[in-house]
Every structure is written in C-alpha cells, then in structure tokens.
Amino acid sequence: MAIITKIEQQKKNEDRVNIYVNDEFFTAIFKELVFTFNLKKGDEIDEEYLKSILSDEMYLKAKNKALNILSKADQAEKKIREKLSNDFEEDTINRVIEFLKKNNFINDNLLAQKIVNTNLNLNKCGKNRIKQNLYNKGLDASAINEAMSDIDNDAEFENAMYLAKKRYERLKNEDKRKIHQKLSQHLAYKGFNYDIIKRTLNKLLSYDEYDI
C-alpha cells in the first residue's frame, strides 16, 4: 500500500514541495499542484498513475516557462537549462529541451551564426569580441567554432578601418603618438587582434612600420 507520509515545503524554493510516500522521497512539484490534485498526508495513492500525471503537469509548466523566455530573446540550450533548473528536475528539463529542438525553438548553430552576423555587420566587432559574446550566450565550442569559421578576414579589416576612421575624427588634433595609442586601445577593446590593428593603423596613419 502506497501512502503519502509527508508533504514538505522546500527550503530553497517556497513554491515547491517534496512529497514522500511510505517515508521515502517520491517527487518534487509546485505547491499549487498539491491543491489541484487535493493531495494530503495519509492519502493512499497509485504511485505510477500519480507520478505520471504530476510529471506531465510539471512538463507543461516547464515548457510554458521556456517558451515565455524564448518569446523575449533567442537563447542557447545551456541558458534555457540554467533558467529552468531552479524549478524543475533534470528529466523534465530534458523533455522540454527535446520539444524545443524538435520544433526549432532552440538551435545553437543558427543562434551562433545570427550573433556573428549582427556583431560583424552591425556592431563592427573583431573576432575576439565576437567569440567572447558567443561564449557569454552559453553556446558550446562546436557551434562557436563553426560560426567563427565563416568570418572573412577582409570583412574584419574593413570593420577595424571603419571604427578607426570614426574615432580618428575625434583625435586628429592630438599628438600622433597619442592618436596611435588611443586608436590601438579602442580597436583592441572592440575585439581586433594585433595583426589587424597594426595593418589598420599603418594604412590609416600612413606608417610603414609601427610597433603597437
């Protein structure tokens, strides 16, 4: 005979409770489901049936939360998992991730490419900044490497030149050495590497050689 022996509020999440059957942990659910299904200590239950309906309810809640998150901004799989982890068990989260992937609500490779295109074409970033932005989004190494491999060196150089020219207009009356230093720092902050910065400043400032 399976009997609910304890319904205990979780310490870290007041919206969730742990249910114990025959003095052993049975499942964790939202507190509201206790009232929805009128669960109380001393109830005799069909374990498999109850676990099934509670699992489905938690899945629906997790799926709705994930879709709500994605309605505001695209997310990497890792970020969705992190945002669900405080309220849902791993098996529930796995079911949600499977649903999201199947219906193309999440796709790390497409998200990585989208971020690269935006960073490169709109924000005029260099590869170092783009790569850091991809990591910050929680994308895995394979998605990052695939998206980064499509970045054209000439396009990156054009971005560096665009930013350098724009910043130069604010600095052109300063000492040439200071101009060079400030432009170098600006381009490095924007994510360009040593070679791109040197090539850009040599062309912009008409230097044959200049150590940065």
N, C-alpha and C. Protein backbone atom coordinates (compact mmCIF):
# COMPACT_ATOMS: atom_id res chain seq x y z
N MET A 1 0.84 -1.20 0.00
CA MET A 1 0.00 0.00 0.00
C MET A 1 0.88 1.25 0.00
N ALA A 2 0.64 2.16 -0.94
CA ALA A 2 1.42 3.39 -1.05
C ALA A 2 0.64 4.53 -0.41
N ILE A 3 1.25 5.15 0.59
CA ILE A 3 0.58 6.23 1.33
C ILE A 3 1.50 7.46 1.39
N ILE A 4 0.92 8.62 1.15
CA ILE A 4 1.67 9.86 1.31
C ILE A 4 1.94 10.06 2.80
N THR A 5 3.22 10.08 3.15
CA THR A 5 3.58 10.20 4.57
C THR A 5 4.07 11.60 4.93
N LYS A 6 4.45 12.39 3.93
CA LYS A 6 4.89 13.76 4.23
C LYS A 6 4.84 14.61 2.98
N ILE A 7 4.39 15.86 3.13
CA ILE A 7 4.45 16.87 2.09
C ILE A 7 5.22 18.03 2.70
N GLU A 8 6.43 18.27 2.21
CA GLU A 8 7.36 19.19 2.85
C GLU A 8 7.76 20.31 1.89
N GLN A 9 7.60 21.56 2.37
CA GLN A 9 8.00 22.71 1.56
C GLN A 9 9.51 22.75 1.43
N GLN A 10 9.99 23.01 0.22
CA GLN A 10 11.44 23.10 0.01
C GLN A 10 11.98 24.38 0.64
N LYS A 11 13.19 24.29 1.18
CA LYS A 11 13.80 25.43 1.85
C LYS A 11 14.27 26.49 0.86
N LYS A 12 14.78 26.05 -0.28
CA LYS A 12 15.33 27.00 -1.25
C LYS A 12 14.29 27.56 -2.22
N ASN A 13 13.13 26.94 -2.28
CA ASN A 13 12.10 27.39 -3.20
C ASN A 13 10.74 27.19 -2.55
N GLU A 14 10.15 28.27 -2.08
CA GLU A 14 8.89 28.19 -1.34
C GLU A 14 7.71 27.79 -2.22
N ASP A 15 7.88 27.84 -3.53
CA ASP A 15 6.80 27.47 -4.45
C ASP A 15 6.76 25.96 -4.72
N ARG A 16 7.76 25.24 -4.24
CA ARG A 16 7.83 23.80 -4.50
C ARG A 16 7.79 23.00 -3.20
N VAL A 17 7.28 21.78 -3.33
CA VAL A 17 7.24 20.88 -2.18
C VAL A 17 7.80 19.52 -2.57
N ASN A 18 8.31 18.82 -1.59
CA ASN A 18 8.74 17.43 -1.77
C ASN A 18 7.66 16.52 -1.19
N ILE A 19 7.32 15.51 -1.95
CA ILE A 19 6.31 14.54 -1.49
C ILE A 19 7.00 13.23 -1.15
N TYR A 20 6.67 12.68 0.00
CA TYR A 20 7.23 11.41 0.45
C TYR A 20 6.13 10.36 0.51
N VAL A 21 6.43 9.20 -0.02
CA VAL A 21 5.48 8.07 0.02
C VAL A 21 6.15 6.93 0.78
N ASN A 22 5.43 6.43 1.77
CA ASN A 22 5.98 5.37 2.64
C ASN A 22 7.35 5.78 3.20
N ASP A 23 7.43 7.06 3.58
CA ASP A 23 8.62 7.64 4.21
C ASP A 23 9.83 7.73 3.29
N GLU A 24 9.60 7.59 1.98
CA GLU A 24 10.69 7.75 1.02
C GLU A 24 10.33 8.85 0.02
N PHE A 25 11.35 9.58 -0.43
CA PHE A 25 11.10 10.67 -1.39
C PHE A 25 10.41 10.12 -2.64
N PHE A 26 9.35 10.82 -3.04
CA PHE A 26 8.56 10.37 -4.18
C PHE A 26 8.75 11.28 -5.38
N THR A 27 8.51 12.58 -5.19
CA THR A 27 8.69 13.54 -6.28
C THR A 27 8.67 14.95 -5.73
N ALA A 28 9.13 15.91 -6.55
CA ALA A 28 9.08 17.32 -6.20
C ALA A 28 8.17 18.03 -7.21
N ILE A 29 7.24 18.84 -6.71
CA ILE A 29 6.28 19.52 -7.59
C ILE A 29 6.01 20.92 -7.08
N PHE A 30 5.30 21.70 -7.88
CA PHE A 30 4.86 23.01 -7.43
C PHE A 30 3.78 22.84 -6.37
N LYS A 31 3.81 23.72 -5.39
CA LYS A 31 2.86 23.67 -4.29
C LYS A 31 1.40 23.69 -4.79
N GLU A 32 1.15 24.46 -5.83
CA GLU A 32 -0.22 24.59 -6.32
C GLU A 32 -0.81 23.27 -6.79
N LEU A 33 0.07 22.36 -7.24
CA LEU A 33 -0.43 21.05 -7.70
C LEU A 33 -0.94 20.20 -6.54
N VAL A 34 -0.44 20.48 -5.36
CA VAL A 34 -0.95 19.78 -4.17
C VAL A 34 -2.44 20.07 -4.01
N PHE A 35 -2.79 21.33 -4.25
CA PHE A 35 -4.20 21.72 -4.12
C PHE A 35 -5.01 21.29 -5.35
N THR A 36 -4.38 21.38 -6.52
CA THR A 36 -5.08 20.98 -7.75
C THR A 36 -5.54 19.52 -7.68
N PHE A 37 -4.65 18.66 -7.16
CA PHE A 37 -4.98 17.23 -7.08
C PHE A 37 -5.39 16.79 -5.67
N ASN A 38 -5.59 17.78 -4.80
CA ASN A 38 -6.07 17.52 -3.44
C ASN A 38 -5.22 16.46 -2.73
N LEU A 39 -3.93 16.64 -2.77
CA LEU A 39 -3.02 15.68 -2.14
C LEU A 39 -2.79 16.07 -0.68
N LYS A 40 -2.82 15.08 0.18
CA LYS A 40 -2.58 15.35 1.59
C LYS A 40 -1.99 14.13 2.28
N LYS A 41 -1.35 14.39 3.38
CA LYS A 41 -0.73 13.33 4.16
C LYS A 41 -1.77 12.30 4.56
N GLY A 42 -1.42 11.02 4.39
CA GLY A 42 -2.33 9.93 4.74
C GLY A 42 -3.10 9.37 3.58
N ASP A 43 -3.05 10.07 2.42
CA ASP A 43 -3.76 9.58 1.22
C ASP A 43 -3.11 8.30 0.71
N GLU A 44 -3.95 7.36 0.36
CA GLU A 44 -3.47 6.16 -0.34
C GLU A 44 -3.47 6.48 -1.83
N ILE A 45 -2.37 6.14 -2.51
CA ILE A 45 -2.24 6.54 -3.91
C ILE A 45 -1.80 5.38 -4.80
N ASP A 46 -2.06 5.55 -6.09
CA ASP A 46 -1.48 4.69 -7.12
C ASP A 46 -0.21 5.40 -7.57
N GLU A 47 0.94 4.90 -7.16
CA GLU A 47 2.20 5.60 -7.38
C GLU A 47 2.47 5.91 -8.86
N GLU A 48 2.33 4.91 -9.71
CA GLU A 48 2.65 5.09 -11.13
C GLU A 48 1.73 6.12 -11.77
N TYR A 49 0.43 6.02 -11.45
CA TYR A 49 -0.54 6.96 -12.04
C TYR A 49 -0.28 8.38 -11.56
N LEU A 50 -0.08 8.55 -10.26
CA LEU A 50 0.14 9.89 -9.71
C LEU A 50 1.44 10.49 -10.24
N LYS A 51 2.47 9.69 -10.29
CA LYS A 51 3.75 10.20 -10.80
C LYS A 51 3.62 10.63 -12.25
N SER A 52 2.84 9.89 -13.01
CA SER A 52 2.65 10.20 -14.43
C SER A 52 1.94 11.54 -14.61
N ILE A 53 0.84 11.75 -13.89
CA ILE A 53 0.08 13.00 -14.09
C ILE A 53 0.85 14.20 -13.53
N LEU A 54 1.57 14.00 -12.44
CA LEU A 54 2.34 15.10 -11.88
C LEU A 54 3.53 15.44 -12.78
N SER A 55 4.13 14.42 -13.37
CA SER A 55 5.23 14.63 -14.31
C SER A 55 4.76 15.43 -15.51
N ASP A 56 3.58 15.09 -16.03
CA ASP A 56 3.03 15.80 -17.18
C ASP A 56 2.73 17.26 -16.84
N GLU A 57 2.21 17.48 -15.64
CA GLU A 57 1.91 18.84 -15.21
C GLU A 57 3.19 19.68 -15.10
N MET A 58 4.22 19.10 -14.53
CA MET A 58 5.49 19.81 -14.39
C MET A 58 6.11 20.09 -15.76
N TYR A 59 5.96 19.14 -16.67
CA TYR A 59 6.48 19.32 -18.02
C TYR A 59 5.79 20.49 -18.72
N LEU A 60 4.47 20.56 -18.59
CA LEU A 60 3.72 21.65 -19.22
C LEU A 60 4.16 23.01 -18.66
N LYS A 61 4.36 23.05 -17.35
CA LYS A 61 4.79 24.30 -16.73
C LYS A 61 6.20 24.68 -17.19
N ALA A 62 7.07 23.70 -17.26
CA ALA A 62 8.44 23.96 -17.71
C ALA A 62 8.46 24.41 -19.17
N LYS A 63 7.66 23.76 -19.98
CA LYS A 63 7.60 24.11 -21.40
C LYS A 63 7.07 25.54 -21.58
N ASN A 64 6.04 25.88 -20.83
CA ASN A 64 5.47 27.23 -20.93
C ASN A 64 6.48 28.28 -20.47
N LYS A 65 7.23 27.96 -19.42
CA LYS A 65 8.25 28.90 -18.95
C LYS A 65 9.34 29.09 -20.01
N ALA A 66 9.77 27.99 -20.62
CA ALA A 66 10.80 28.07 -21.65
C ALA A 66 10.32 28.88 -22.85
N LEU A 67 9.09 28.66 -23.28
CA LEU A 67 8.55 29.39 -24.43
C LEU A 67 8.40 30.87 -24.10
N ASN A 68 8.06 31.18 -22.87
CA ASN A 68 7.95 32.58 -22.45
C ASN A 68 9.33 33.26 -22.49
N ILE A 69 10.34 32.55 -22.04
CA ILE A 69 11.72 33.08 -22.09
C ILE A 69 12.13 33.33 -23.54
N LEU A 70 11.84 32.36 -24.40
CA LEU A 70 12.24 32.47 -25.80
C LEU A 70 11.44 33.51 -26.57
N SER A 71 10.26 33.86 -26.07
CA SER A 71 9.45 34.89 -26.74
C SER A 71 10.09 36.27 -26.59
N LYS A 72 10.99 36.41 -25.60
CA LYS A 72 11.64 37.70 -25.36
C LYS A 72 12.99 37.81 -26.06
N ALA A 73 13.69 36.67 -26.18
CA ALA A 73 15.00 36.68 -26.84
C ALA A 73 15.44 35.25 -27.12
N ASP A 74 16.16 35.07 -28.21
CA ASP A 74 16.72 33.75 -28.52
C ASP A 74 17.69 33.34 -27.42
N GLN A 75 17.72 32.05 -27.13
CA GLN A 75 18.58 31.55 -26.06
C GLN A 75 19.29 30.29 -26.53
N ALA A 76 20.48 30.07 -25.97
CA ALA A 76 21.20 28.82 -26.19
C ALA A 76 20.61 27.75 -25.29
N GLU A 77 20.80 26.50 -25.66
CA GLU A 77 20.30 25.39 -24.85
C GLU A 77 20.78 25.48 -23.40
N LYS A 78 22.05 25.80 -23.23
CA LYS A 78 22.63 25.88 -21.88
C LYS A 78 21.90 26.90 -21.03
N LYS A 79 21.56 28.06 -21.60
CA LYS A 79 20.88 29.11 -20.84
C LYS A 79 19.46 28.70 -20.46
N ILE A 80 18.77 28.01 -21.37
CA ILE A 80 17.43 27.52 -21.05
C ILE A 80 17.50 26.53 -19.90
N ARG A 81 18.46 25.62 -19.96
CA ARG A 81 18.62 24.66 -18.87
C ARG A 81 18.87 25.37 -17.54
N GLU A 82 19.73 26.38 -17.55
CA GLU A 82 20.04 27.12 -16.33
C GLU A 82 18.79 27.81 -15.77
N LYS A 83 17.98 28.39 -16.65
CA LYS A 83 16.81 29.14 -16.21
C LYS A 83 15.67 28.25 -15.74
N LEU A 84 15.70 26.98 -16.12
CA LEU A 84 14.68 26.03 -15.66
C LEU A 84 15.14 25.25 -14.43
N SER A 85 16.43 25.25 -14.18
CA SER A 85 16.99 24.33 -13.18
C SER A 85 16.54 24.60 -11.75
N ASN A 86 16.15 25.82 -11.44
CA ASN A 86 15.71 26.13 -10.07
C ASN A 86 14.32 25.59 -9.76
N ASP A 87 13.53 25.35 -10.79
CA ASP A 87 12.14 24.95 -10.59
C ASP A 87 11.81 23.54 -11.03
N PHE A 88 12.68 22.94 -11.84
CA PHE A 88 12.32 21.66 -12.44
C PHE A 88 13.45 20.64 -12.34
N GLU A 89 13.04 19.37 -12.35
CA GLU A 89 14.01 18.28 -12.28
C GLU A 89 14.64 18.07 -13.66
N GLU A 90 15.77 17.37 -13.67
CA GLU A 90 16.52 17.18 -14.92
C GLU A 90 15.72 16.43 -15.98
N ASP A 91 14.95 15.42 -15.57
CA ASP A 91 14.19 14.66 -16.58
C ASP A 91 13.13 15.53 -17.23
N THR A 92 12.53 16.44 -16.45
CA THR A 92 11.54 17.37 -17.01
C THR A 92 12.21 18.33 -17.98
N ILE A 93 13.35 18.86 -17.58
CA ILE A 93 14.09 19.80 -18.44
C ILE A 93 14.51 19.11 -19.74
N ASN A 94 14.94 17.87 -19.65
CA ASN A 94 15.33 17.12 -20.86
C ASN A 94 14.16 16.98 -21.82
N ARG A 95 12.96 16.73 -21.27
CA ARG A 95 11.77 16.62 -22.13
C ARG A 95 11.49 17.94 -22.83
N VAL A 96 11.64 19.04 -22.10
CA VAL A 96 11.39 20.36 -22.68
C VAL A 96 12.42 20.66 -23.77
N ILE A 97 13.69 20.39 -23.50
CA ILE A 97 14.75 20.64 -24.49
C ILE A 97 14.49 19.84 -25.75
N GLU A 98 14.07 18.60 -25.60
CA GLU A 98 13.76 17.76 -26.75
C GLU A 98 12.64 18.38 -27.58
N PHE A 99 11.59 18.88 -26.91
CA PHE A 99 10.48 19.54 -27.60
C PHE A 99 10.95 20.80 -28.32
N LEU A 100 11.76 21.61 -27.65
CA LEU A 100 12.23 22.86 -28.23
C LEU A 100 13.11 22.62 -29.46
N LYS A 101 13.97 21.61 -29.38
CA LYS A 101 14.83 21.29 -30.52
C LYS A 101 14.01 20.75 -31.69
N LYS A 102 13.10 19.87 -31.38
CA LYS A 102 12.28 19.24 -32.42
C LYS A 102 11.49 20.29 -33.20
N ASN A 103 11.04 21.33 -32.50
CA ASN A 103 10.23 22.37 -33.15
C ASN A 103 11.06 23.61 -33.50
N ASN A 104 12.37 23.47 -33.41
CA ASN A 104 13.31 24.52 -33.82
C ASN A 104 13.15 25.83 -33.04
N PHE A 105 12.70 25.72 -31.79
CA PHE A 105 12.65 26.90 -30.94
C PHE A 105 14.05 27.24 -30.43
N ILE A 106 14.90 26.24 -30.31
CA ILE A 106 16.30 26.48 -29.99
C ILE A 106 17.18 25.75 -31.01
N ASN A 107 18.22 26.43 -31.42
CA ASN A 107 19.17 25.85 -32.36
C ASN A 107 20.48 26.61 -32.17
N ASP A 108 21.41 26.01 -31.47
CA ASP A 108 22.65 26.71 -31.12
C ASP A 108 23.46 27.13 -32.33
N ASN A 109 23.46 26.33 -33.37
CA ASN A 109 24.23 26.68 -34.57
C ASN A 109 23.65 27.91 -35.27
N LEU A 110 22.32 27.95 -35.38
CA LEU A 110 21.68 29.11 -36.01
C LEU A 110 21.84 30.36 -35.15
N LEU A 111 21.73 30.18 -33.84
CA LEU A 111 21.90 31.32 -32.93
C LEU A 111 23.31 31.88 -33.03
N ALA A 112 24.30 30.99 -33.07
CA ALA A 112 25.69 31.43 -33.17
C ALA A 112 25.91 32.23 -34.46
N GLN A 113 25.36 31.74 -35.56
CA GLN A 113 25.51 32.44 -36.84
C GLN A 113 24.83 33.80 -36.82
N LYS A 114 23.67 33.85 -36.17
CA LYS A 114 22.94 35.11 -36.06
C LYS A 114 23.74 36.15 -35.27
N ILE A 115 24.34 35.70 -34.17
CA ILE A 115 25.15 36.60 -33.34
C ILE A 115 26.37 37.09 -34.11
N VAL A 116 27.02 36.19 -34.83
CA VAL A 116 28.18 36.57 -35.64
C VAL A 116 27.79 37.63 -36.67
N ASN A 117 26.70 37.40 -37.36
CA ASN A 117 26.27 38.35 -38.40
C ASN A 117 25.97 39.72 -37.80
N THR A 118 25.29 39.74 -36.66
CA THR A 118 24.96 41.00 -36.01
C THR A 118 26.21 41.71 -35.53
N ASN A 119 27.09 40.97 -34.87
CA ASN A 119 28.33 41.56 -34.34
C ASN A 119 29.24 42.07 -35.45
N LEU A 120 29.28 41.34 -36.54
CA LEU A 120 30.19 41.69 -37.63
C LEU A 120 29.64 42.84 -38.48
N ASN A 121 28.37 42.73 -38.85
CA ASN A 121 27.80 43.67 -39.81
C ASN A 121 27.18 44.93 -39.18
N LEU A 122 26.64 44.78 -37.97
CA LEU A 122 26.01 45.92 -37.32
C LEU A 122 26.92 46.59 -36.30
N ASN A 123 27.51 45.76 -35.43
CA ASN A 123 28.33 46.30 -34.35
C ASN A 123 29.79 46.50 -34.73
N LYS A 124 30.18 45.97 -35.88
CA LYS A 124 31.55 46.14 -36.41
C LYS A 124 32.61 45.61 -35.45
N CYS A 125 32.33 44.48 -34.82
CA CYS A 125 33.28 43.92 -33.86
C CYS A 125 34.38 43.10 -34.54
N GLY A 126 35.46 42.89 -33.80
CA GLY A 126 36.51 42.00 -34.23
C GLY A 126 36.26 40.60 -33.71
N LYS A 127 37.08 39.66 -34.18
CA LYS A 127 36.85 38.25 -33.85
C LYS A 127 36.92 37.97 -32.35
N ASN A 128 37.85 38.62 -31.65
CA ASN A 128 37.99 38.35 -30.22
C ASN A 128 36.72 38.72 -29.45
N ARG A 129 36.14 39.87 -29.78
CA ARG A 129 34.91 40.31 -29.11
C ARG A 129 33.74 39.39 -29.50
N ILE A 130 33.67 39.03 -30.76
CA ILE A 130 32.59 38.16 -31.23
C ILE A 130 32.64 36.82 -30.51
N LYS A 131 33.84 36.26 -30.42
CA LYS A 131 33.99 34.97 -29.75
C LYS A 131 33.58 35.05 -28.29
N GLN A 132 33.96 36.13 -27.62
CA GLN A 132 33.58 36.30 -26.22
C GLN A 132 32.07 36.44 -26.08
N ASN A 133 31.43 37.15 -26.99
CA ASN A 133 29.98 37.30 -26.96
C ASN A 133 29.28 35.96 -27.14
N LEU A 134 29.83 35.12 -27.99
CA LEU A 134 29.26 33.80 -28.21
C LEU A 134 29.35 32.95 -26.94
N TYR A 135 30.50 33.00 -26.28
CA TYR A 135 30.66 32.26 -25.02
C TYR A 135 29.69 32.79 -23.96
N ASN A 136 29.53 34.10 -23.91
CA ASN A 136 28.63 34.70 -22.93
C ASN A 136 27.19 34.27 -23.12
N LYS A 137 26.84 33.91 -24.34
CA LYS A 137 25.47 33.45 -24.64
C LYS A 137 25.27 31.99 -24.25
N GLY A 138 26.35 31.33 -23.81
CA GLY A 138 26.22 29.95 -23.37
C GLY A 138 26.32 28.93 -24.48
N LEU A 139 26.79 29.35 -25.63
CA LEU A 139 26.91 28.42 -26.77
C LEU A 139 28.11 27.50 -26.58
N ASP A 140 27.98 26.28 -27.11
CA ASP A 140 29.08 25.33 -26.93
C ASP A 140 30.18 25.57 -27.96
N ALA A 141 31.32 24.95 -27.72
CA ALA A 141 32.51 25.20 -28.53
C ALA A 141 32.30 24.86 -30.00
N SER A 142 31.58 23.79 -30.28
CA SER A 142 31.40 23.38 -31.68
C SER A 142 30.58 24.40 -32.46
N ALA A 143 29.53 24.93 -31.84
CA ALA A 143 28.70 25.95 -32.50
C ALA A 143 29.50 27.23 -32.70
N ILE A 144 30.31 27.57 -31.71
CA ILE A 144 31.13 28.78 -31.79
C ILE A 144 32.16 28.65 -32.91
N ASN A 145 32.87 27.53 -32.93
CA ASN A 145 33.91 27.34 -33.94
C ASN A 145 33.35 27.33 -35.35
N GLU A 146 32.19 26.71 -35.51
CA GLU A 146 31.57 26.67 -36.85
C GLU A 146 31.18 28.06 -37.32
N ALA A 147 30.59 28.85 -36.42
CA ALA A 147 30.16 30.20 -36.79
C ALA A 147 31.37 31.11 -37.03
N MET A 148 32.40 30.97 -36.21
CA MET A 148 33.59 31.81 -36.35
C MET A 148 34.35 31.52 -37.64
N SER A 149 34.25 30.30 -38.12
CA SER A 149 35.00 29.91 -39.33
C SER A 149 34.51 30.64 -40.57
N ASP A 150 33.30 31.21 -40.50
CA ASP A 150 32.74 31.91 -41.65
C ASP A 150 33.14 33.38 -41.72
N ILE A 151 33.83 33.87 -40.70
CA ILE A 151 34.20 35.28 -40.69
C ILE A 151 35.34 35.54 -41.67
N ASP A 152 35.11 36.44 -42.58
CA ASP A 152 36.10 36.77 -43.61
C ASP A 152 37.10 37.79 -43.05
N ASN A 153 38.40 37.53 -43.25
CA ASN A 153 39.44 38.43 -42.74
C ASN A 153 39.33 39.83 -43.31
N ASP A 154 38.96 39.92 -44.57
CA ASP A 154 38.82 41.24 -45.20
C ASP A 154 37.67 42.02 -44.59
N ALA A 155 36.60 41.32 -44.26
CA ALA A 155 35.45 41.98 -43.62
C ALA A 155 35.84 42.49 -42.25
N GLU A 156 36.64 41.71 -41.53
CA GLU A 156 37.10 42.14 -40.21
C GLU A 156 37.99 43.38 -40.34
N PHE A 157 38.87 43.37 -41.33
CA PHE A 157 39.75 44.52 -41.56
C PHE A 157 38.95 45.77 -41.91
N GLU A 158 37.92 45.61 -42.72
CA GLU A 158 37.07 46.74 -43.09
C GLU A 158 36.37 47.32 -41.86
N ASN A 159 35.97 46.45 -40.95
CA ASN A 159 35.36 46.92 -39.70
C ASN A 159 36.34 47.73 -38.87
N ALA A 160 37.56 47.21 -38.77
CA ALA A 160 38.59 47.90 -38.00
C ALA A 160 38.88 49.28 -38.60
N MET A 161 38.95 49.32 -39.92
CA MET A 161 39.22 50.59 -40.59
C MET A 161 38.07 51.58 -40.38
N TYR A 162 36.86 51.08 -40.47
CA TYR A 162 35.68 51.94 -40.25
C TYR A 162 35.71 52.56 -38.84
N LEU A 163 35.96 51.72 -37.83
CA LEU A 163 35.98 52.20 -36.45
C LEU A 163 37.16 53.15 -36.20
N ALA A 164 38.30 52.82 -36.79
CA ALA A 164 39.48 53.66 -36.61
C ALA A 164 39.27 55.05 -37.21
N LYS A 165 38.71 55.10 -38.42
CA LYS A 165 38.44 56.38 -39.07
C LYS A 165 37.46 57.21 -38.26
N LYS A 166 36.44 56.53 -37.74
CA LYS A 166 35.41 57.22 -36.95
C LYS A 166 36.03 57.80 -35.68
N ARG A 167 36.86 57.03 -34.99
CA ARG A 167 37.48 57.51 -33.76
C ARG A 167 38.56 58.57 -34.06
N TYR A 168 39.22 58.43 -35.20
CA TYR A 168 40.29 59.36 -35.58
C TYR A 168 39.77 60.80 -35.69
N GLU A 169 38.54 60.96 -36.12
CA GLU A 169 37.96 62.29 -36.27
C GLU A 169 37.92 63.04 -34.94
N ARG A 170 37.85 62.27 -33.84
CA ARG A 170 37.81 62.89 -32.51
C ARG A 170 39.21 63.13 -31.96
N LEU A 171 40.21 62.51 -32.59
CA LEU A 171 41.56 62.55 -32.04
C LEU A 171 42.57 63.28 -32.93
N LYS A 172 42.17 63.67 -34.13
CA LYS A 172 43.13 64.11 -35.15
C LYS A 172 43.98 65.32 -34.76
N ASN A 173 43.55 66.09 -33.79
CA ASN A 173 44.33 67.25 -33.39
C ASN A 173 45.30 66.94 -32.25
N GLU A 174 45.33 65.71 -31.81
CA GLU A 174 46.24 65.33 -30.73
C GLU A 174 47.60 64.90 -31.29
N ASP A 175 48.55 64.70 -30.39
CA ASP A 175 49.87 64.22 -30.77
C ASP A 175 49.75 62.86 -31.46
N LYS A 176 50.57 62.66 -32.51
CA LYS A 176 50.44 61.43 -33.31
C LYS A 176 50.63 60.16 -32.48
N ARG A 177 51.56 60.22 -31.55
CA ARG A 177 51.79 59.03 -30.72
C ARG A 177 50.56 58.71 -29.85
N LYS A 178 49.94 59.76 -29.34
CA LYS A 178 48.74 59.56 -28.53
C LYS A 178 47.59 59.04 -29.39
N ILE A 179 47.51 59.58 -30.60
CA ILE A 179 46.48 59.10 -31.53
C ILE A 179 46.64 57.60 -31.76
N HIS A 180 47.88 57.21 -32.03
CA HIS A 180 48.16 55.80 -32.30
C HIS A 180 47.80 54.93 -31.09
N GLN A 181 48.19 55.40 -29.92
CA GLN A 181 47.92 54.64 -28.70
C GLN A 181 46.42 54.51 -28.44
N LYS A 182 45.69 55.60 -28.57
CA LYS A 182 44.25 55.57 -28.29
C LYS A 182 43.48 54.74 -29.32
N LEU A 183 43.91 54.83 -30.57
CA LEU A 183 43.25 54.03 -31.61
C LEU A 183 43.53 52.54 -31.37
N SER A 184 44.75 52.22 -30.98
CA SER A 184 45.11 50.83 -30.69
C SER A 184 44.25 50.28 -29.57
N GLN A 185 44.12 51.06 -28.50
CA GLN A 185 43.33 50.63 -27.35
C GLN A 185 41.86 50.45 -27.74
N HIS A 186 41.35 51.38 -28.54
CA HIS A 186 39.95 51.31 -28.97
C HIS A 186 39.68 50.06 -29.80
N LEU A 187 40.56 49.77 -30.73
CA LEU A 187 40.37 48.60 -31.59
C LEU A 187 40.54 47.29 -30.80
N ALA A 188 41.48 47.29 -29.85
CA ALA A 188 41.66 46.10 -29.02
C ALA A 188 40.40 45.85 -28.19
N TYR A 189 39.81 46.92 -27.66
CA TYR A 189 38.57 46.81 -26.88
C TYR A 189 37.44 46.25 -27.75
N LYS A 190 37.45 46.63 -29.02
CA LYS A 190 36.41 46.16 -29.94
C LYS A 190 36.65 44.73 -30.43
N GLY A 191 37.77 44.14 -30.01
CA GLY A 191 37.98 42.72 -30.29
C GLY A 191 38.90 42.39 -31.45
N PHE A 192 39.69 43.34 -31.89
CA PHE A 192 40.60 43.08 -33.00
C PHE A 192 41.97 42.65 -32.47
N ASN A 193 42.62 41.74 -33.20
CA ASN A 193 43.93 41.26 -32.75
C ASN A 193 45.06 42.18 -33.21
N TYR A 194 46.25 41.84 -32.76
CA TYR A 194 47.44 42.67 -33.02
C TYR A 194 47.64 42.91 -34.52
N ASP A 195 47.54 41.84 -35.32
CA ASP A 195 47.82 41.97 -36.75
C ASP A 195 46.83 42.90 -37.44
N ILE A 196 45.55 42.77 -37.11
CA ILE A 196 44.53 43.62 -37.72
C ILE A 196 44.74 45.07 -37.30
N ILE A 197 45.03 45.28 -36.02
CA ILE A 197 45.23 46.64 -35.52
C ILE A 197 46.43 47.29 -36.22
N LYS A 198 47.53 46.56 -36.31
CA LYS A 198 48.74 47.09 -36.94
C LYS A 198 48.48 47.42 -38.41
N ARG A 199 47.83 46.51 -39.11
CA ARG A 199 47.54 46.72 -40.52
C ARG A 199 46.63 47.94 -40.71
N THR A 200 45.65 48.09 -39.84
CA THR A 200 44.70 49.20 -39.93
C THR A 200 45.37 50.54 -39.70
N LEU A 201 46.17 50.61 -38.63
CA LEU A 201 46.79 51.88 -38.29
C LEU A 201 47.91 52.25 -39.25
N ASN A 202 48.60 51.26 -39.76
CA ASN A 202 49.62 51.54 -40.78
C ASN A 202 48.99 52.21 -42.01
N LYS A 203 47.84 51.70 -42.39
CA LYS A 203 47.17 52.26 -43.57
C LYS A 203 46.54 53.61 -43.26
N LEU A 204 45.86 53.70 -42.12
CA LEU A 204 45.17 54.93 -41.78
C LEU A 204 46.14 56.08 -41.52
N LEU A 205 47.22 55.79 -40.82
CA LEU A 205 48.17 56.84 -40.43
C LEU A 205 49.37 56.91 -41.36
N SER A 206 49.34 56.09 -42.42
CA SER A 206 50.40 56.09 -43.42
C SER A 206 51.76 55.76 -42.84
N TYR A 207 51.80 54.78 -41.93
CA TYR A 207 53.05 54.31 -41.37
C TYR A 207 53.47 53.07 -42.12
N ASP A 208 54.74 52.94 -42.37
CA ASP A 208 55.24 51.71 -42.98
C ASP A 208 55.35 50.64 -41.92
N GLU A 209 55.90 51.00 -40.79
CA GLU A 209 56.03 50.05 -39.67
C GLU A 209 55.79 50.83 -38.39
N TYR A 210 55.14 50.19 -37.45
CA TYR A 210 54.93 50.84 -36.16
C TYR A 210 54.60 49.77 -35.16
N ASP A 211 55.36 49.67 -34.11
CA ASP A 211 55.08 48.69 -33.07
C ASP A 211 54.01 49.20 -32.14
N ILE A 212 53.04 48.39 -31.92
CA ILE A 212 51.93 48.77 -31.06
C ILE A 212 52.25 48.39 -29.63
